[in-house]
Amino acid sequence: MPGLLNLWYEQLAYHKILPPVCNLSMKILHLLPNWATACSRLQVRGVCDNFPGTLKIMPEHNVFCVKLKQELPGLSEPPFDSELGQKIYSQVSQQAWSQWTEYCKMLLNEYRLNPARKQDQEVIVKQMEQFFFGEGAAPPAQYVPPAH
């Protein structure tokens, strides 16, 4: 129980300090226009939904996308804590990742995959590797695209 209380206390302190720090960072950014110009390659992103109006400056992460064969903005963080996650982070763009998520939804539905099952996770990972780093991925034989 003391560990839980300490965790609650630390989260409370975190929630008290983060918004003023982020807001101070934004005030400094606005007061120093030359610095803002020098940092024009930085993106302003939201820190957390819990703190509306707070912002944080994060450097843009560009990659040469293996799927789309061009330099594009990369993911903000590795999607998995693994070697594959790092490989995707360093070689896959946000646009290609978005294409993968749509393709993955189709796979989940067509093959009736359950992401909680180990066997289905292995199928998804193989399809992901094929989608990004292989010769591409073909939809299931019986797949009929939705009519728009």
C-alpha atoms as a PDB file:
ATOM      1  CA  MET A   1       0.000   0.000   0.000  1.00  0.00           C
ATOM      2  CA  PRO A   2       2.790   2.545   0.703  1.00  0.00           C
ATOM      3  CA  GLY A   3       4.082   1.971  -2.844  1.00  0.00           C
ATOM      4  CA  LEU A   4       0.656   2.800  -4.243  1.00  0.00           C
ATOM      5  CA  LEU A   5       0.484   5.957  -2.108  1.00  0.00           C
ATOM      6  CA  ASN A   6       3.940   7.028  -3.278  1.00  0.00           C
ATOM      7  CA  LEU A   7       2.941   6.452  -6.897  1.00  0.00           C
ATOM      8  CA  TRP A   8      -0.193   8.548  -6.372  1.00  0.00           C
ATOM      9  CA  TYR A   9       1.863  11.313  -4.730  1.00  0.00           C
ATOM     10  CA  GLU A  10       4.439  11.292  -7.554  1.00  0.00           C
ATOM     11  CA  GLN A  11       1.703  11.498 -10.199  1.00  0.00           C
ATOM     12  CA  LEU A  12       0.100  14.378  -8.315  1.00  0.00           C
ATOM     13  CA  ALA A  13       3.422  16.240  -8.227  1.00  0.00           C
ATOM     14  CA  TYR A  14       3.977  15.484 -11.922  1.00  0.00           C
ATOM     15  CA  HIS A  15       0.579  16.932 -12.795  1.00  0.00           C
ATOM     16  CA  LYS A  16       1.330  20.077 -10.798  1.00  0.00           C
ATOM     17  CA  ILE A  17       4.722  20.807 -12.375  1.00  0.00           C
ATOM     18  CA  LEU A  18       4.324  19.803 -16.023  1.00  0.00           C
ATOM     19  CA  PRO A  19       1.818  22.450 -17.206  1.00  0.00           C
ATOM     20  CA  PRO A  20       3.794  25.445 -15.834  1.00  0.00           C
ATOM     21  CA  VAL A  21       7.044  24.097 -17.313  1.00  0.00           C
ATOM     22  CA  CYS A  22       5.462  23.587 -20.733  1.00  0.00           C
ATOM     23  CA  ASN A  23       3.779  26.979 -20.656  1.00  0.00           C
ATOM     24  CA  LEU A  24       7.056  28.639 -19.647  1.00  0.00           C
ATOM     25  CA  SER A  25       8.786  26.934 -22.594  1.00  0.00           C
ATOM     26  CA  MET A  26       6.165  28.330 -24.958  1.00  0.00           C
ATOM     27  CA  LYS A  27       6.502  31.861 -23.486  1.00  0.00           C
ATOM     28  CA  ILE A  28      10.273  31.714 -24.036  1.00  0.00           C
ATOM     29  CA  LEU A  29       9.687  30.559 -27.610  1.00  0.00           C
ATOM     30  CA  HIS A  30       7.391  33.534 -28.285  1.00  0.00           C
ATOM     31  CA  LEU A  31       9.715  36.058 -26.583  1.00  0.00           C
ATOM     32  CA  LEU A  32      12.724  35.021 -28.637  1.00  0.00           C
ATOM     33  CA  PRO A  33      11.622  35.231 -32.304  1.00  0.00           C
ATOM     34  CA  ASN A  34      15.179  34.804 -33.604  1.00  0.00           C
ATOM     35  CA  TRP A  35      15.491  31.577 -31.673  1.00  0.00           C
ATOM     36  CA  ALA A  36      12.152  30.422 -33.054  1.00  0.00           C
ATOM     37  CA  THR A  37      13.371  31.133 -36.595  1.00  0.00           C
ATOM     38  CA  ALA A  38      16.589  29.237 -35.954  1.00  0.00           C
ATOM     39  CA  CYS A  39      14.555  26.299 -34.731  1.00  0.00           C
ATOM     40  CA  SER A  40      12.149  26.272 -37.651  1.00  0.00           C
ATOM     41  CA  ARG A  41      12.721  22.541 -38.205  1.00  0.00           C
ATOM     42  CA  LEU A  42      11.109  21.807 -34.850  1.00  0.00           C
ATOM     43  CA  GLN A  43       7.506  20.725 -34.568  1.00  0.00           C
ATOM     44  CA  VAL A  44       5.192  21.829 -31.793  1.00  0.00           C
ATOM     45  CA  ARG A  45       3.192  18.898 -30.471  1.00  0.00           C
ATOM     46  CA  GLY A  46       0.762  18.407 -27.611  1.00  0.00           C
ATOM     47  CA  VAL A  47       2.277  16.920 -24.475  1.00  0.00           C
ATOM     48  CA  CYS A  48      -0.694  15.101 -23.053  1.00  0.00           C
ATOM     49  CA  ASP A  49      -4.467  15.156 -23.312  1.00  0.00           C
ATOM     50  CA  ASN A  50      -4.559  15.725 -19.560  1.00  0.00           C
ATOM     51  CA  PHE A  51      -3.036  19.173 -20.046  1.00  0.00           C
ATOM     52  CA  PRO A  52      -5.016  21.049 -22.690  1.00  0.00           C
ATOM     53  CA  GLY A  53      -3.129  24.039 -23.978  1.00  0.00           C
ATOM     54  CA  THR A  54       0.303  22.790 -22.938  1.00  0.00           C
ATOM     55  CA  LEU A  55       2.810  22.232 -25.700  1.00  0.00           C
ATOM     56  CA  LYS A  56       6.272  20.779 -26.050  1.00  0.00           C
ATOM     57  CA  ILE A  57       8.886  21.283 -28.746  1.00  0.00           C
ATOM     58  CA  MET A  58      10.118  18.072 -30.345  1.00  0.00           C
ATOM     59  CA  PRO A  59      12.612  17.760 -33.203  1.00  0.00           C
ATOM     60  CA  GLU A  60      11.221  16.463 -36.472  1.00  0.00           C
ATOM     61  CA  HIS A  61      12.289  12.904 -37.221  1.00  0.00           C
ATOM     62  CA  ASN A  62      12.678  12.321 -40.974  1.00  0.00           C
ATOM     63  CA  VAL A  63      13.399   8.942 -42.511  1.00  0.00           C
ATOM     64  CA  PHE A  64      13.960   7.564 -45.973  1.00  0.00           C
ATOM     65  CA  CYS A  65      10.867   5.382 -46.044  1.00  0.00           C
ATOM     66  CA  VAL A  66      11.514   1.840 -47.279  1.00  0.00           C
ATOM     67  CA  LYS A  67       7.876   1.469 -48.318  1.00  0.00           C
ATOM     68  CA  LEU A  68       7.323   4.781 -50.149  1.00  0.00           C
ATOM     69  CA  LYS A  69      10.949   5.285 -51.288  1.00  0.00           C
ATOM     70  CA  GLN A  70      11.169   8.951 -50.277  1.00  0.00           C
ATOM     71  CA  GLU A  71      12.244  11.183 -47.392  1.00  0.00           C
ATOM     72  CA  LEU A  72       9.232  11.741 -45.116  1.00  0.00           C
ATOM     73  CA  PRO A  73       8.448  12.486 -41.451  1.00  0.00           C
ATOM     74  CA  GLY A  74       9.024   9.397 -39.342  1.00  0.00           C
ATOM     75  CA  LEU A  75       7.170   8.039 -36.346  1.00  0.00           C
ATOM     76  CA  SER A  76       7.429  10.013 -33.113  1.00  0.00           C
ATOM     77  CA  GLU A  77       8.604   6.909 -31.238  1.00  0.00           C
ATOM     78  CA  PRO A  78       9.279   3.227 -31.921  1.00  0.00           C
ATOM     79  CA  PRO A  79       5.983   1.311 -32.115  1.00  0.00           C
ATOM     80  CA  PHE A  80       7.405  -1.648 -30.146  1.00  0.00           C
ATOM     81  CA  ASP A  81      10.193  -2.196 -27.622  1.00  0.00           C
ATOM     82  CA  SER A  82      12.055  -4.621 -29.850  1.00  0.00           C
ATOM     83  CA  GLU A  83      14.563  -4.783 -32.677  1.00  0.00           C
ATOM     84  CA  LEU A  84      11.686  -4.704 -35.180  1.00  0.00           C
ATOM     85  CA  GLY A  85      10.270  -1.608 -33.461  1.00  0.00           C
ATOM     86  CA  GLN A  86      13.614   0.182 -33.812  1.00  0.00           C
ATOM     87  CA  LYS A  87      13.894  -0.875 -37.456  1.00  0.00           C
ATOM     88  CA  ILE A  88      10.407   0.490 -38.178  1.00  0.00           C
ATOM     89  CA  TYR A  89      11.192   3.718 -36.304  1.00  0.00           C
ATOM     90  CA  SER A  90      14.323   4.337 -38.359  1.00  0.00           C
ATOM     91  CA  GLN A  91      12.995   3.246 -41.779  1.00  0.00           C
ATOM     92  CA  VAL A  92       9.205   3.747 -41.938  1.00  0.00           C
ATOM     93  CA  SER A  93       7.361   7.041 -42.390  1.00  0.00           C
ATOM     94  CA  GLN A  94       4.173   8.151 -40.668  1.00  0.00           C
ATOM     95  CA  GLN A  95       2.364   7.872 -44.005  1.00  0.00           C
ATOM     96  CA  ALA A  96       3.496   4.264 -44.543  1.00  0.00           C
ATOM     97  CA  TRP A  97       2.614   3.405 -40.933  1.00  0.00           C
ATOM     98  CA  SER A  98      -0.877   4.769 -41.531  1.00  0.00           C
ATOM     99  CA  GLN A  99      -1.161   2.542 -44.618  1.00  0.00           C
ATOM    100  CA  TRP A 100      -0.063  -0.424 -42.501  1.00  0.00           C
ATOM    101  CA  THR A 101      -2.685   0.239 -39.818  1.00  0.00           C
ATOM    102  CA  GLU A 102      -5.434   0.238 -42.453  1.00  0.00           C
ATOM    103  CA  TYR A 103      -4.038  -2.940 -44.025  1.00  0.00           C
ATOM    104  CA  CYS A 104      -3.749  -4.551 -40.579  1.00  0.00           C
ATOM    105  CA  LYS A 105      -7.429  -3.817 -39.848  1.00  0.00           C
ATOM    106  CA  MET A 106      -8.325  -5.630 -43.041  1.00  0.00           C
ATOM    107  CA  LEU A 107      -6.133  -8.604 -42.045  1.00  0.00           C
ATOM    108  CA  LEU A 108      -7.681  -8.774 -38.582  1.00  0.00           C
ATOM    109  CA  ASN A 109     -11.161  -8.842 -40.057  1.00  0.00           C
ATOM    110  CA  GLU A 110     -10.552 -11.146 -43.025  1.00  0.00           C
ATOM    111  CA  TYR A 111      -8.505 -13.745 -41.151  1.00  0.00           C
ATOM    112  CA  ARG A 112     -10.474 -13.296 -37.894  1.00  0.00           C
ATOM    113  CA  LEU A 113      -7.223 -12.642 -36.033  1.00  0.00           C
ATOM    114  CA  ASN A 114      -7.198 -11.926 -32.321  1.00  0.00           C
ATOM    115  CA  PRO A 115      -4.222  -9.701 -31.362  1.00  0.00           C
ATOM    116  CA  ALA A 116      -4.281 -11.158 -27.839  1.00  0.00           C
ATOM    117  CA  ARG A 117      -3.416 -14.683 -29.110  1.00  0.00           C
ATOM    118  CA  LYS A 118       0.270 -15.529 -29.536  1.00  0.00           C
ATOM    119  CA  GLN A 119      -0.258 -17.383 -32.855  1.00  0.00           C
ATOM    120  CA  ASP A 120      -2.176 -14.442 -34.310  1.00  0.00           C
ATOM    121  CA  GLN A 121       0.497 -12.001 -33.141  1.00  0.00           C
ATOM    122  CA  GLU A 122       3.078 -14.039 -35.051  1.00  0.00           C
ATOM    123  CA  VAL A 123       0.936 -13.856 -38.213  1.00  0.00           C
ATOM    124  CA  ILE A 124       0.585 -10.077 -37.807  1.00  0.00           C
ATOM    125  CA  VAL A 125       4.340  -9.610 -37.319  1.00  0.00           C
ATOM    126  CA  LYS A 126       5.137 -11.721 -40.412  1.00  0.00           C
ATOM    127  CA  GLN A 127       2.636  -9.722 -42.450  1.00  0.00           C
ATOM    128  CA  MET A 128       4.119  -6.466 -41.123  1.00  0.00           C
ATOM    129  CA  GLU A 129       7.663  -7.477 -42.050  1.00  0.00           C
ATOM    130  CA  GLN A 130       6.447  -8.478 -45.509  1.00  0.00           C
ATOM    131  CA  PHE A 131       4.475  -5.221 -45.875  1.00  0.00           C
ATOM    132  CA  PHE A 132       7.433  -2.963 -45.047  1.00  0.00           C
ATOM    133  CA  PHE A 133      10.593  -4.918 -45.804  1.00  0.00           C
ATOM    134  CA  GLY A 134       9.523  -7.743 -48.125  1.00  0.00           C
ATOM    135  CA  GLU A 135       7.982  -7.719 -51.555  1.00  0.00           C
ATOM    136  CA  GLY A 136       4.779  -6.206 -50.218  1.00  0.00           C
ATOM    137  CA  ALA A 137       1.729  -7.915 -48.875  1.00  0.00           C
ATOM    138  CA  ALA A 138      -1.166  -9.236 -50.914  1.00  0.00           C
ATOM    139  CA  PRO A 139      -4.699  -9.164 -49.509  1.00  0.00           C
ATOM    140  CA  PRO A 140      -6.386 -12.499 -48.786  1.00  0.00           C
ATOM    141  CA  ALA A 141      -7.671 -14.327 -51.870  1.00  0.00           C
ATOM    142  CA  GLN A 142     -11.334 -13.856 -50.959  1.00  0.00           C
ATOM    143  CA  TYR A 143     -10.960 -10.164 -50.004  1.00  0.00           C
ATOM    144  CA  VAL A 144     -13.459  -7.793 -51.637  1.00  0.00           C
ATOM    145  CA  PRO A 145     -12.665  -4.092 -51.102  1.00  0.00           C
ATOM    146  CA  PRO A 146     -15.522  -2.058 -49.614  1.00  0.00           C
ATOM    147  CA  ALA A 147     -17.592  -0.043 -52.093  1.00  0.00           C
ATOM    148  CA  HIS A 148     -17.388   3.683 -51.433  1.00  0.00           C
END
